[in-house]
PDB file of all heavy atoms in Angstrom:
ATOM      1  N   GLN A   1     -38.731 -39.993 -19.023  1.00  0.00           N
ATOM      2  CA  GLN A   1     -39.972 -39.235 -19.129  1.00  0.00           C
ATOM      3  C   GLN A   1     -40.861 -39.695 -20.292  1.00  0.00           C
ATOM      4  O   GLN A   1     -41.942 -39.130 -20.503  1.00  0.00           O
ATOM      5  CB  GLN A   1     -39.666 -37.741 -19.294  1.00  0.00           C
ATOM      6  CG  GLN A   1     -38.996 -37.119 -18.082  1.00  0.00           C
ATOM      7  CD  GLN A   1     -38.710 -35.638 -18.288  1.00  0.00           C
ATOM      8  OE1 GLN A   1     -39.265 -34.989 -19.160  1.00  0.00           O
ATOM      9  NE2 GLN A   1     -37.817 -35.105 -17.463  1.00  0.00           N
ATOM     10  N   PHE A   2     -40.425 -40.709 -21.014  1.00  0.00           N
ATOM     11  CA  PHE A   2     -41.206 -41.182 -22.163  1.00  0.00           C
ATOM     12  C   PHE A   2     -42.605 -41.628 -21.737  1.00  0.00           C
ATOM     13  O   PHE A   2     -43.580 -41.406 -22.447  1.00  0.00           O
ATOM     14  CB  PHE A   2     -40.459 -42.345 -22.838  1.00  0.00           C
ATOM     15  CG  PHE A   2     -41.203 -42.984 -23.984  1.00  0.00           C
ATOM     16  CD1 PHE A   2     -41.549 -42.257 -25.113  1.00  0.00           C
ATOM     17  CD2 PHE A   2     -41.563 -44.324 -23.930  1.00  0.00           C
ATOM     18  CE1 PHE A   2     -42.230 -42.844 -26.170  1.00  0.00           C
ATOM     19  CE2 PHE A   2     -42.242 -44.930 -24.977  1.00  0.00           C
ATOM     20  CZ  PHE A   2     -42.575 -44.183 -26.101  1.00  0.00           C
ATOM     21  N   ALA A   3     -42.713 -42.231 -20.570  1.00  0.00           N
ATOM     22  CA  ALA A   3     -44.006 -42.767 -20.126  1.00  0.00           C
ATOM     23  C   ALA A   3     -44.914 -41.706 -19.525  1.00  0.00           C
ATOM     24  O   ALA A   3     -46.120 -41.945 -19.378  1.00  0.00           O
ATOM     25  CB  ALA A   3     -43.777 -43.874 -19.106  1.00  0.00           C
ATOM     26  N   THR A   4     -44.368 -40.537 -19.183  1.00  0.00           N
ATOM     27  CA  THR A   4     -45.174 -39.568 -18.426  1.00  0.00           C
ATOM     28  C   THR A   4     -45.515 -38.297 -19.188  1.00  0.00           C
ATOM     29  O   THR A   4     -46.501 -37.633 -18.852  1.00  0.00           O
ATOM     30  CB  THR A   4     -44.440 -39.177 -17.138  1.00  0.00           C
ATOM     31  OG1 THR A   4     -43.137 -38.649 -17.473  1.00  0.00           O
ATOM     32  CG2 THR A   4     -44.271 -40.392 -16.232  1.00  0.00           C
ATOM     33  N   ARG A   5     -44.752 -37.913 -20.189  1.00  0.00           N
ATOM     34  CA  ARG A   5     -45.039 -36.687 -20.936  1.00  0.00           C
ATOM     35  C   ARG A   5     -46.299 -36.863 -21.794  1.00  0.00           C
ATOM     36  O   ARG A   5     -46.595 -37.959 -22.270  1.00  0.00           O
ATOM     37  CB  ARG A   5     -43.866 -36.326 -21.833  1.00  0.00           C
ATOM     38  CG  ARG A   5     -42.654 -35.776 -21.087  1.00  0.00           C
ATOM     39  CD  ARG A   5     -42.897 -34.365 -20.597  1.00  0.00           C
ATOM     40  NE  ARG A   5     -41.671 -33.754 -20.038  1.00  0.00           N
ATOM     41  CZ  ARG A   5     -41.619 -32.526 -19.556  1.00  0.00           C
ATOM     42  NH1 ARG A   5     -42.708 -31.760 -19.538  1.00  0.00           N
ATOM     43  NH2 ARG A   5     -40.498 -32.047 -19.077  1.00  0.00           N
ATOM     44  N   ASP A   6     -47.023 -35.770 -22.015  1.00  0.00           N
ATOM     45  CA  ASP A   6     -48.235 -35.799 -22.843  1.00  0.00           C
ATOM     46  C   ASP A   6     -47.827 -35.702 -24.313  1.00  0.00           C
ATOM     47  O   ASP A   6     -47.406 -34.641 -24.791  1.00  0.00           O
ATOM     48  CB  ASP A   6     -49.143 -34.628 -22.471  1.00  0.00           C
ATOM     49  CG  ASP A   6     -50.438 -34.609 -23.288  1.00  0.00           C
ATOM     50  OD1 ASP A   6     -50.624 -35.512 -24.131  1.00  0.00           O
ATOM     51  OD2 ASP A   6     -51.249 -33.683 -23.084  1.00  0.00           O
ATOM     52  N   LEU A   7     -47.958 -36.809 -25.032  1.00  0.00           N
ATOM     53  CA  LEU A   7     -47.588 -36.882 -26.447  1.00  0.00           C
ATOM     54  C   LEU A   7     -48.817 -37.043 -27.336  1.00  0.00           C
ATOM     55  O   LEU A   7     -48.701 -37.418 -28.500  1.00  0.00           O
ATOM     56  CB  LEU A   7     -46.619 -38.055 -26.671  1.00  0.00           C
ATOM     57  CG  LEU A   7     -45.419 -38.146 -25.723  1.00  0.00           C
ATOM     58  CD1 LEU A   7     -44.574 -39.368 -26.052  1.00  0.00           C
ATOM     59  CD2 LEU A   7     -44.571 -36.872 -25.790  1.00  0.00           C
ATOM     60  N   SER A   8     -49.977 -36.741 -26.793  1.00  0.00           N
ATOM     61  CA  SER A   8     -51.227 -37.062 -27.474  1.00  0.00           C
ATOM     62  C   SER A   8     -51.484 -36.233 -28.723  1.00  0.00           C
ATOM     63  O   SER A   8     -52.352 -36.587 -29.530  1.00  0.00           O
ATOM     64  CB  SER A   8     -52.402 -36.890 -26.505  1.00  0.00           C
ATOM     65  OG  SER A   8     -52.478 -35.545 -26.038  1.00  0.00           O
ATOM     66  N   SER A   9     -50.753 -35.125 -28.913  1.00  0.00           N
ATOM     67  CA  SER A   9     -50.977 -34.307 -30.117  1.00  0.00           C
ATOM     68  C   SER A   9     -50.458 -34.977 -31.379  1.00  0.00           C
ATOM     69  O   SER A   9     -50.915 -34.669 -32.487  1.00  0.00           O
ATOM     70  CB  SER A   9     -50.295 -32.945 -29.960  1.00  0.00           C
ATOM     71  OG  SER A   9     -48.885 -33.094 -29.927  1.00  0.00           O
ATOM     72  N   LEU A  10     -49.510 -35.900 -31.230  1.00  0.00           N
ATOM     73  CA  LEU A  10     -48.873 -36.508 -32.404  1.00  0.00           C
ATOM     74  C   LEU A  10     -49.854 -37.393 -33.164  1.00  0.00           C
ATOM     75  O   LEU A  10     -50.436 -38.316 -32.614  1.00  0.00           O
ATOM     76  CB  LEU A  10     -47.643 -37.313 -31.985  1.00  0.00           C
ATOM     77  CG  LEU A  10     -46.448 -36.496 -31.475  1.00  0.00           C
ATOM     78  CD1 LEU A  10     -45.380 -37.405 -30.902  1.00  0.00           C
ATOM     79  CD2 LEU A  10     -45.877 -35.616 -32.591  1.00  0.00           C
ATOM     80  N   GLN A  11     -49.995 -37.096 -34.438  1.00  0.00           N
ATOM     81  CA  GLN A  11     -50.840 -37.896 -35.317  1.00  0.00           C
ATOM     82  C   GLN A  11     -50.023 -38.776 -36.260  1.00  0.00           C
ATOM     83  O   GLN A  11     -50.491 -39.809 -36.721  1.00  0.00           O
ATOM     84  CB  GLN A  11     -51.756 -36.984 -36.141  1.00  0.00           C
ATOM     85  CG  GLN A  11     -52.693 -36.136 -35.313  1.00  0.00           C
ATOM     86  CD  GLN A  11     -53.411 -35.094 -36.149  1.00  0.00           C
ATOM     87  OE1 GLN A  11     -53.486 -35.200 -37.369  1.00  0.00           O
ATOM     88  NE2 GLN A  11     -53.941 -34.070 -35.501  1.00  0.00           N
ATOM     89  N   SER A  12     -48.805 -38.331 -36.555  1.00  0.00           N
ATOM     90  CA  SER A  12     -47.946 -39.075 -37.471  1.00  0.00           C
ATOM     91  C   SER A  12     -46.503 -38.988 -37.005  1.00  0.00           C
ATOM     92  O   SER A  12     -45.998 -37.890 -36.744  1.00  0.00           O
ATOM     93  CB  SER A  12     -48.061 -38.512 -38.890  1.00  0.00           C
ATOM     94  OG  SER A  12     -47.214 -39.208 -39.777  1.00  0.00           O
ATOM     95  N   VAL A  13     -45.851 -40.144 -36.878  1.00  0.00           N
ATOM     96  CA  VAL A  13     -44.438 -40.228 -36.514  1.00  0.00           C
ATOM     97  C   VAL A  13     -43.741 -40.984 -37.626  1.00  0.00           C
ATOM     98  O   VAL A  13     -43.918 -42.186 -37.796  1.00  0.00           O
ATOM     99  CB  VAL A  13     -44.235 -40.942 -35.163  1.00  0.00           C
ATOM    100  CG1 VAL A  13     -42.754 -41.035 -34.824  1.00  0.00           C
ATOM    101  CG2 VAL A  13     -44.998 -40.221 -34.055  1.00  0.00           C
ATOM    102  N   SER A  14     -42.964 -40.259 -38.412  1.00  0.00           N
ATOM    103  CA  SER A  14     -42.263 -40.849 -39.550  1.00  0.00           C
ATOM    104  C   SER A  14     -40.803 -41.045 -39.177  1.00  0.00           C
ATOM    105  O   SER A  14     -40.120 -40.091 -38.780  1.00  0.00           O
ATOM    106  CB  SER A  14     -42.378 -39.931 -40.768  1.00  0.00           C
ATOM    107  OG  SER A  14     -41.679 -40.467 -41.866  1.00  0.00           O
ATOM    108  N   ILE A  15     -40.323 -42.274 -39.289  1.00  0.00           N
ATOM    109  CA  ILE A  15     -38.945 -42.607 -38.913  1.00  0.00           C
ATOM    110  C   ILE A  15     -38.240 -43.124 -40.155  1.00  0.00           C
ATOM    111  O   ILE A  15     -38.756 -43.998 -40.863  1.00  0.00           O
ATOM    112  CB  ILE A  15     -38.915 -43.655 -37.792  1.00  0.00           C
ATOM    113  CG1 ILE A  15     -39.735 -43.149 -36.593  1.00  0.00           C
ATOM    114  CG2 ILE A  15     -37.478 -43.958 -37.362  1.00  0.00           C
ATOM    115  CD1 ILE A  15     -39.974 -44.181 -35.520  1.00  0.00           C
ATOM    116  N   GLY A  16     -37.078 -42.572 -40.453  1.00  0.00           N
ATOM    117  CA  GLY A  16     -36.385 -42.963 -41.668  1.00  0.00           C
ATOM    118  C   GLY A  16     -34.886 -42.791 -41.552  1.00  0.00           C
ATOM    119  O   GLY A  16     -34.373 -42.393 -40.513  1.00  0.00           O
ATOM    120  N   SER A  17     -34.199 -43.111 -42.631  1.00  0.00           N
ATOM    121  CA  SER A  17     -32.746 -43.005 -42.843  1.00  0.00           C
ATOM    122  C   SER A  17     -32.004 -44.294 -42.526  1.00  0.00           C
ATOM    123  O   SER A  17     -30.863 -44.467 -42.953  1.00  0.00           O
ATOM    124  CB  SER A  17     -32.092 -41.848 -42.063  1.00  0.00           C
ATOM    125  OG  SER A  17     -31.769 -42.229 -40.738  1.00  0.00           O
ATOM    126  N   ALA A  18     -32.623 -45.199 -41.770  1.00  0.00           N
ATOM    127  CA  ALA A  18     -31.979 -46.469 -41.432  1.00  0.00           C
ATOM    128  C   ALA A  18     -33.059 -47.428 -40.935  1.00  0.00           C
ATOM    129  O   ALA A  18     -34.137 -46.993 -40.533  1.00  0.00           O
ATOM    130  CB  ALA A  18     -30.911 -46.257 -40.349  1.00  0.00           C
ATOM    131  N   PRO A  19     -32.770 -48.740 -40.943  1.00  0.00           N
ATOM    132  CA  PRO A  19     -33.751 -49.684 -40.394  1.00  0.00           C
ATOM    133  C   PRO A  19     -34.042 -49.401 -38.923  1.00  0.00           C
ATOM    134  O   PRO A  19     -33.158 -49.028 -38.157  1.00  0.00           O
ATOM    135  CB  PRO A  19     -33.064 -51.043 -40.577  1.00  0.00           C
ATOM    136  CG  PRO A  19     -32.108 -50.840 -41.712  1.00  0.00           C
ATOM    137  CD  PRO A  19     -31.615 -49.424 -41.550  1.00  0.00           C
ATOM    138  N   LEU A  20     -35.293 -49.584 -38.541  1.00  0.00           N
ATOM    139  CA  LEU A  20     -35.741 -49.338 -37.174  1.00  0.00           C
ATOM    140  C   LEU A  20     -35.919 -50.662 -36.451  1.00  0.00           C
ATOM    141  O   LEU A  20     -36.562 -51.582 -36.973  1.00  0.00           O
ATOM    142  CB  LEU A  20     -37.065 -48.575 -37.202  1.00  0.00           C
ATOM    143  CG  LEU A  20     -37.752 -48.291 -35.867  1.00  0.00           C
ATOM    144  CD1 LEU A  20     -36.916 -47.330 -35.026  1.00  0.00           C
ATOM    145  CD2 LEU A  20     -39.141 -47.724 -36.102  1.00  0.00           C
ATOM    146  N   ALA A  21     -35.365 -50.780 -35.238  1.00  0.00           N
ATOM    147  CA  ALA A  21     -35.513 -52.005 -34.460  1.00  0.00           C
ATOM    148  C   ALA A  21     -36.986 -52.262 -34.156  1.00  0.00           C
ATOM    149  O   ALA A  21     -37.692 -51.352 -33.717  1.00  0.00           O
ATOM    150  CB  ALA A  21     -34.721 -51.899 -33.157  1.00  0.00           C
ATOM    151  N   PRO A  22     -37.485 -53.471 -34.381  1.00  0.00           N
ATOM    152  CA  PRO A  22     -38.902 -53.758 -34.116  1.00  0.00           C
ATOM    153  C   PRO A  22     -39.346 -53.387 -32.711  1.00  0.00           C
ATOM    154  O   PRO A  22     -40.450 -52.871 -32.518  1.00  0.00           O
ATOM    155  CB  PRO A  22     -38.991 -55.267 -34.367  1.00  0.00           C
ATOM    156  CG  PRO A  22     -37.914 -55.558 -35.345  1.00  0.00           C
ATOM    157  CD  PRO A  22     -36.794 -54.615 -34.982  1.00  0.00           C
ATOM    158  N   LYS A  23     -38.489 -53.631 -31.702  1.00  0.00           N
ATOM    159  CA  LYS A  23     -38.861 -53.314 -30.328  1.00  0.00           C
ATOM    160  C   LYS A  23     -39.137 -51.818 -30.160  1.00  0.00           C
ATOM    161  O   LYS A  23     -40.092 -51.419 -29.489  1.00  0.00           O
ATOM    162  CB  LYS A  23     -37.768 -53.755 -29.357  1.00  0.00           C
ATOM    163  CG  LYS A  23     -38.147 -53.475 -27.895  1.00  0.00           C
ATOM    164  CD  LYS A  23     -36.984 -53.716 -26.949  1.00  0.00           C
ATOM    165  CE  LYS A  23     -37.374 -53.350 -25.513  1.00  0.00           C
ATOM    166  NZ  LYS A  23     -36.239 -53.447 -24.595  1.00  0.00           N
ATOM    167  N   THR A  24     -38.300 -50.988 -30.784  1.00  0.00           N
ATOM    168  CA  THR A  24     -38.481 -49.541 -30.682  1.00  0.00           C
ATOM    169  C   THR A  24     -39.794 -49.114 -31.315  1.00  0.00           C
ATOM    170  O   THR A  24     -40.547 -48.309 -30.751  1.00  0.00           O
ATOM    171  CB  THR A  24     -37.306 -48.817 -31.358  1.00  0.00           C
ATOM    172  OG1 THR A  24     -36.076 -49.256 -30.759  1.00  0.00           O
ATOM    173  CG2 THR A  24     -37.413 -47.307 -31.202  1.00  0.00           C
ATOM    174  N   GLN A  25     -40.095 -49.672 -32.480  1.00  0.00           N
ATOM    175  CA  GLN A  25     -41.349 -49.329 -33.144  1.00  0.00           C
ATOM    176  C   GLN A  25     -42.552 -49.771 -32.315  1.00  0.00           C
ATOM    177  O   GLN A  25     -43.532 -49.018 -32.172  1.00  0.00           O
ATOM    178  CB  GLN A  25     -41.403 -49.955 -34.538  1.00  0.00           C
ATOM    179  CG  GLN A  25     -42.623 -49.509 -35.341  1.00  0.00           C
ATOM    180  CD  GLN A  25     -42.610 -50.025 -36.761  1.00  0.00           C
ATOM    181  OE1 GLN A  25     -41.771 -50.843 -37.131  1.00  0.00           O
ATOM    182  NE2 GLN A  25     -43.550 -49.554 -37.571  1.00  0.00           N
ATOM    183  N   LEU A  26     -42.488 -50.967 -31.748  1.00  0.00           N
ATOM    184  CA  LEU A  26     -43.600 -51.471 -30.935  1.00  0.00           C
ATOM    185  C   LEU A  26     -43.821 -50.605 -29.692  1.00  0.00           C
ATOM    186  O   LEU A  26     -44.973 -50.355 -29.297  1.00  0.00           O
ATOM    187  CB  LEU A  26     -43.336 -52.924 -30.530  1.00  0.00           C
ATOM    188  CG  LEU A  26     -43.518 -53.966 -31.634  1.00  0.00           C
ATOM    189  CD1 LEU A  26     -42.936 -55.308 -31.203  1.00  0.00           C
ATOM    190  CD2 LEU A  26     -44.996 -54.109 -31.996  1.00  0.00           C
ATOM    191  N   MET A  27     -42.731 -50.121 -29.086  1.00  0.00           N
ATOM    192  CA  MET A  27     -42.868 -49.259 -27.909  1.00  0.00           C
ATOM    193  C   MET A  27     -43.544 -47.943 -28.277  1.00  0.00           C
ATOM    194  O   MET A  27     -44.389 -47.426 -27.529  1.00  0.00           O
ATOM    195  CB  MET A  27     -41.491 -49.013 -27.277  1.00  0.00           C
ATOM    196  CG  MET A  27     -40.888 -50.240 -26.616  1.00  0.00           C
ATOM    197  SD  MET A  27     -39.207 -49.935 -26.005  1.00  0.00           S
ATOM    198  CE  MET A  27     -39.549 -48.850 -24.602  1.00  0.00           C
ATOM    199  N   LEU A  28     -43.196 -47.387 -29.439  1.00  0.00           N
ATOM    200  CA  LEU A  28     -43.823 -46.144 -29.869  1.00  0.00           C
ATOM    201  C   LEU A  28     -45.298 -46.354 -30.204  1.00  0.00           C
ATOM    202  O   LEU A  28     -46.148 -45.524 -29.867  1.00  0.00           O
ATOM    203  CB  LEU A  28     -43.082 -45.585 -31.088  1.00  0.00           C
ATOM    204  CG  LEU A  28     -41.731 -44.921 -30.791  1.00  0.00           C
ATOM    205  CD1 LEU A  28     -40.947 -44.720 -32.074  1.00  0.00           C
ATOM    206  CD2 LEU A  28     -41.927 -43.582 -30.084  1.00  0.00           C
ATOM    207  N   ILE A  29     -45.608 -47.488 -30.862  1.00  0.00           N
ATOM    208  CA  ILE A  29     -47.006 -47.776 -31.213  1.00  0.00           C
ATOM    209  C   ILE A  29     -47.854 -47.917 -29.948  1.00  0.00           C
ATOM    210  O   ILE A  29     -48.968 -47.402 -29.863  1.00  0.00           O
ATOM    211  CB  ILE A  29     -47.075 -49.050 -32.079  1.00  0.00           C
ATOM    212  CG1 ILE A  29     -46.492 -48.773 -33.461  1.00  0.00           C
ATOM    213  CG2 ILE A  29     -48.506 -49.562 -32.198  1.00  0.00           C
ATOM    214  CD1 ILE A  29     -46.307 -50.015 -34.307  1.00  0.00           C
ATOM    215  N   GLU A  30     -47.321 -48.607 -28.955  1.00  0.00           N
ATOM    216  CA  GLU A  30     -48.057 -48.808 -27.703  1.00  0.00           C
ATOM    217  C   GLU A  30     -48.270 -47.482 -26.974  1.00  0.00           C
ATOM    218  O   GLU A  30     -49.337 -47.232 -26.406  1.00  0.00           O
ATOM    219  CB  GLU A  30     -47.290 -49.787 -26.818  1.00  0.00           C
ATOM    220  CG  GLU A  30     -47.999 -50.101 -25.503  1.00  0.00           C
ATOM    221  CD  GLU A  30     -47.218 -51.108 -24.657  1.00  0.00           C
ATOM    222  OE1 GLU A  30     -46.297 -51.766 -25.196  1.00  0.00           O
ATOM    223  OE2 GLU A  30     -47.526 -51.219 -23.461  1.00  0.00           O
ATOM    224  N   ARG A  31     -47.266 -46.613 -27.013  1.00  0.00           N
ATOM    225  CA  ARG A  31     -47.332 -45.336 -26.300  1.00  0.00           C
ATOM    226  C   ARG A  31     -48.189 -44.321 -27.044  1.00  0.00           C
ATOM    227  O   ARG A  31     -48.759 -43.405 -26.436  1.00  0.00           O
ATOM    228  CB  ARG A  31     -45.899 -44.791 -26.134  1.00  0.00           C
ATOM    229  CG  ARG A  31     -45.794 -43.476 -25.371  1.00  0.00           C
ATOM    230  CD  ARG A  31     -46.094 -43.648 -23.905  1.00  0.00           C
ATOM    231  NE  ARG A  31     -45.922 -42.392 -23.199  1.00  0.00           N
ATOM    232  CZ  ARG A  31     -46.811 -41.407 -23.156  1.00  0.00           C
ATOM    233  NH1 ARG A  31     -47.972 -41.540 -23.772  1.00  0.00           N
ATOM    234  NH2 ARG A  31     -46.558 -40.303 -22.490  1.00  0.00           N
ATOM    235  N   LEU A  32     -48.282 -44.459 -28.391  1.00  0.00           N
ATOM    236  CA  LEU A  32     -49.003 -43.497 -29.227  1.00  0.00           C
ATOM    237  C   LEU A  32     -50.083 -44.231 -30.028  1.00  0.00           C
ATOM    238  O   LEU A  32     -50.008 -44.332 -31.253  1.00  0.00           O
ATOM    239  CB  LEU A  32     -48.030 -42.788 -30.176  1.00  0.00           C
ATOM    240  CG  LEU A  32     -46.855 -42.056 -29.526  1.00  0.00           C
ATOM    241  CD1 LEU A  32     -45.820 -41.665 -30.559  1.00  0.00           C
ATOM    242  CD2 LEU A  32     -47.344 -40.820 -28.772  1.00  0.00           C
ATOM    243  N   PRO A  33     -51.098 -44.749 -29.383  1.00  0.00           N
ATOM    244  CA  PRO A  33     -52.086 -45.587 -30.070  1.00  0.00           C
ATOM    245  C   PRO A  33     -52.886 -44.863 -31.138  1.00  0.00           C
ATOM    246  O   PRO A  33     -53.423 -45.499 -32.054  1.00  0.00           O
ATOM    247  CB  PRO A  33     -53.000 -46.067 -28.931  1.00  0.00           C
ATOM    248  CG  PRO A  33     -52.840 -45.035 -27.855  1.00  0.00           C
ATOM    249  CD  PRO A  33     -51.418 -44.571 -27.950  1.00  0.00           C
ATOM    250  N   ASP A  34     -52.979 -43.535 -31.062  1.00  0.00           N
ATOM    251  CA  ASP A  34     -53.764 -42.781 -32.036  1.00  0.00           C
ATOM    252  C   ASP A  34     -52.921 -42.236 -33.188  1.00  0.00           C
ATOM    253  O   ASP A  34     -53.451 -41.581 -34.087  1.00  0.00           O
ATOM    254  CB  ASP A  34     -54.482 -41.609 -31.348  1.00  0.00           C
ATOM    255  CG  ASP A  34     -55.482 -42.094 -30.303  1.00  0.00           C
ATOM    256  OD1 ASP A  34     -56.092 -43.154 -30.534  1.00  0.00           O
ATOM    257  OD2 ASP A  34     -55.630 -41.413 -29.267  1.00  0.00           O
ATOM    258  N   ALA A  35     -51.629 -42.500 -33.156  1.00  0.00           N
ATOM    259  CA  ALA A  35     -50.729 -41.961 -34.180  1.00  0.00           C
ATOM    260  C   ALA A  35     -50.321 -43.042 -35.172  1.00  0.00           C
ATOM    261  O   ALA A  35     -50.311 -44.235 -34.852  1.00  0.00           O
ATOM    262  CB  ALA A  35     -49.488 -41.361 -33.524  1.00  0.00           C
ATOM    263  N   THR A  36     -49.972 -42.606 -36.370  1.00  0.00           N
ATOM    264  CA  THR A  36     -49.339 -43.484 -37.350  1.00  0.00           C
ATOM    265  C   THR A  36     -47.843 -43.472 -37.077  1.00  0.00           C
ATOM    266  O   THR A  36     -47.202 -42.421 -37.181  1.00  0.00           O
ATOM    267  CB  THR A  36     -49.616 -42.988 -38.778  1.00  0.00           C
ATOM    268  OG1 THR A  36     -51.017 -42.968 -39.000  1.00  0.00           O
ATOM    269  CG2 THR A  36     -48.954 -43.899 -39.800  1.00  0.00           C
ATOM    270  N   VAL A  37     -47.284 -44.609 -36.708  1.00  0.00           N
ATOM    271  CA  VAL A  37     -45.855 -44.713 -36.395  1.00  0.00           C
ATOM    272  C   VAL A  37     -45.224 -45.635 -37.419  1.00  0.00           C
ATOM    273  O   VAL A  37     -45.320 -46.864 -37.316  1.00  0.00           O
ATOM    274  CB  VAL A  37     -45.614 -45.249 -34.970  1.00  0.00           C
ATOM    275  CG1 VAL A  37     -44.113 -45.297 -34.671  1.00  0.00           C
ATOM    276  CG2 VAL A  37     -46.345 -44.386 -33.943  1.00  0.00           C
ATOM    277  N   GLY A  38     -44.612 -45.061 -38.440  1.00  0.00           N
ATOM    278  CA  GLY A  38     -44.077 -45.871 -39.528  1.00  0.00           C
ATOM    279  C   GLY A  38     -42.603 -45.644 -39.761  1.00  0.00           C
ATOM    280  O   GLY A  38     -42.078 -44.554 -39.512  1.00  0.00           O
ATOM    281  N   ASN A  39     -41.929 -46.703 -40.222  1.00  0.00           N
ATOM    282  CA  ASN A  39     -40.523 -46.600 -40.621  1.00  0.00           C
ATOM    283  C   ASN A  39     -40.509 -46.440 -42.133  1.00  0.00           C
ATOM    284  O   ASN A  39     -40.676 -47.398 -42.872  1.00  0.00           O
ATOM    285  CB  ASN A  39     -39.760 -47.856 -40.188  1.00  0.00           C
ATOM    286  CG  ASN A  39     -38.267 -47.731 -40.433  1.00  0.00           C
ATOM    287  OD1 ASN A  39     -37.732 -46.630 -40.507  1.00  0.00           O
ATOM    288  ND2 ASN A  39     -37.592 -48.862 -40.556  1.00  0.00           N
ATOM    289  N   SER A  40     -40.385 -45.210 -42.602  1.00  0.00           N
ATOM    290  CA  SER A  40     -40.438 -44.933 -44.030  1.00  0.00           C
ATOM    291  C   SER A  40     -39.069 -45.157 -44.668  1.00  0.00           C
ATOM    292  O   SER A  40     -38.073 -45.351 -43.971  1.00  0.00           O
ATOM    293  CB  SER A  40     -40.914 -43.502 -44.273  1.00  0.00           C
ATOM    294  OG  SER A  40     -40.074 -42.597 -43.589  1.00  0.00           O
ATOM    295  N   TYR A  41     -39.033 -45.105 -45.989  1.00  0.00           N
ATOM    296  CA  TYR A  41     -37.787 -45.361 -46.706  1.00  0.00           C
ATOM    297  C   TYR A  41     -37.662 -44.377 -47.864  1.00  0.00           C
ATOM    298  O   TYR A  41     -38.601 -44.150 -48.622  1.00  0.00           O
ATOM    299  CB  TYR A  41     -37.763 -46.784 -47.253  1.00  0.00           C
ATOM    300  CG  TYR A  41     -36.538 -47.094 -48.102  1.00  0.00           C
ATOM    301  CD1 TYR A  41     -35.371 -47.560 -47.504  1.00  0.00           C
ATOM    302  CD2 TYR A  41     -36.539 -46.902 -49.480  1.00  0.00           C
ATOM    303  CE1 TYR A  41     -34.234 -47.831 -48.265  1.00  0.00           C
ATOM    304  CE2 TYR A  41     -35.411 -47.177 -50.246  1.00  0.00           C
ATOM    305  CZ  TYR A  41     -34.267 -47.639 -49.633  1.00  0.00           C
ATOM    306  OH  TYR A  41     -33.153 -47.899 -50.387  1.00  0.00           O
ATOM    307  N   GLY A  42     -36.483 -43.788 -47.968  1.00  0.00           N
ATOM    308  CA  GLY A  42     -36.162 -42.936 -49.102  1.00  0.00           C
ATOM    309  C   GLY A  42     -34.656 -42.777 -49.160  1.00  0.00           C
ATOM    310  O   GLY A  42     -33.945 -43.142 -48.223  1.00  0.00           O
ATOM    311  N   MET A  43     -34.145 -42.243 -50.250  1.00  0.00           N
ATOM    312  CA  MET A  43     -32.714 -41.972 -50.358  1.00  0.00           C
ATOM    313  C   MET A  43     -32.517 -40.774 -51.284  1.00  0.00           C
ATOM    314  O   MET A  43     -33.351 -40.500 -52.158  1.00  0.00           O
ATOM    315  CB  MET A  43     -31.931 -43.193 -50.836  1.00  0.00           C
ATOM    316  CG  MET A  43     -32.354 -43.755 -52.168  1.00  0.00           C
ATOM    317  SD  MET A  43     -31.560 -45.340 -52.561  1.00  0.00           S
ATOM    318  CE  MET A  43     -29.819 -44.918 -52.536  1.00  0.00           C
ATOM    319  N   THR A  44     -31.427 -40.064 -51.058  1.00  0.00           N
ATOM    320  CA  THR A  44     -31.195 -38.832 -51.806  1.00  0.00           C
ATOM    321  C   THR A  44     -31.180 -39.100 -53.299  1.00  0.00           C
ATOM    322  O   THR A  44     -31.719 -38.317 -54.084  1.00  0.00           O
ATOM    323  CB  THR A  44     -29.867 -38.189 -51.357  1.00  0.00           C
ATOM    324  OG1 THR A  44     -29.831 -38.116 -49.933  1.00  0.00           O
ATOM    325  CG2 THR A  44     -29.730 -36.792 -51.922  1.00  0.00           C
ATOM    326  N   GLU A  45     -30.563 -40.207 -53.720  1.00  0.00           N
ATOM    327  CA  GLU A  45     -30.491 -40.528 -55.141  1.00  0.00           C
ATOM    328  C   GLU A  45     -31.869 -40.748 -55.753  1.00  0.00           C
ATOM    329  O   GLU A  45     -32.066 -40.543 -56.950  1.00  0.00           O
ATOM    330  CB  GLU A  45     -29.640 -41.788 -55.365  1.00  0.00           C
ATOM    331  CG  GLU A  45     -28.146 -41.572 -55.232  1.00  0.00           C
ATOM    332  CD  GLU A  45     -27.630 -41.745 -53.805  1.00  0.00           C
ATOM    333  OE1 GLU A  45     -28.443 -41.664 -52.863  1.00  0.00           O
ATOM    334  OE2 GLU A  45     -26.420 -41.946 -53.633  1.00  0.00           O
TER     335      GLU A  45
END
């Protein structure tokens, strides 16, 4: 259902905790052209 659901409300998609596969990020960017889709980085320490 990734290709058919209405996801247009999303303005920011923050992905973190581990490296993100480039293919996965590119698929999200293509599907959500109006959103910021970033792989952020942080750690508890």
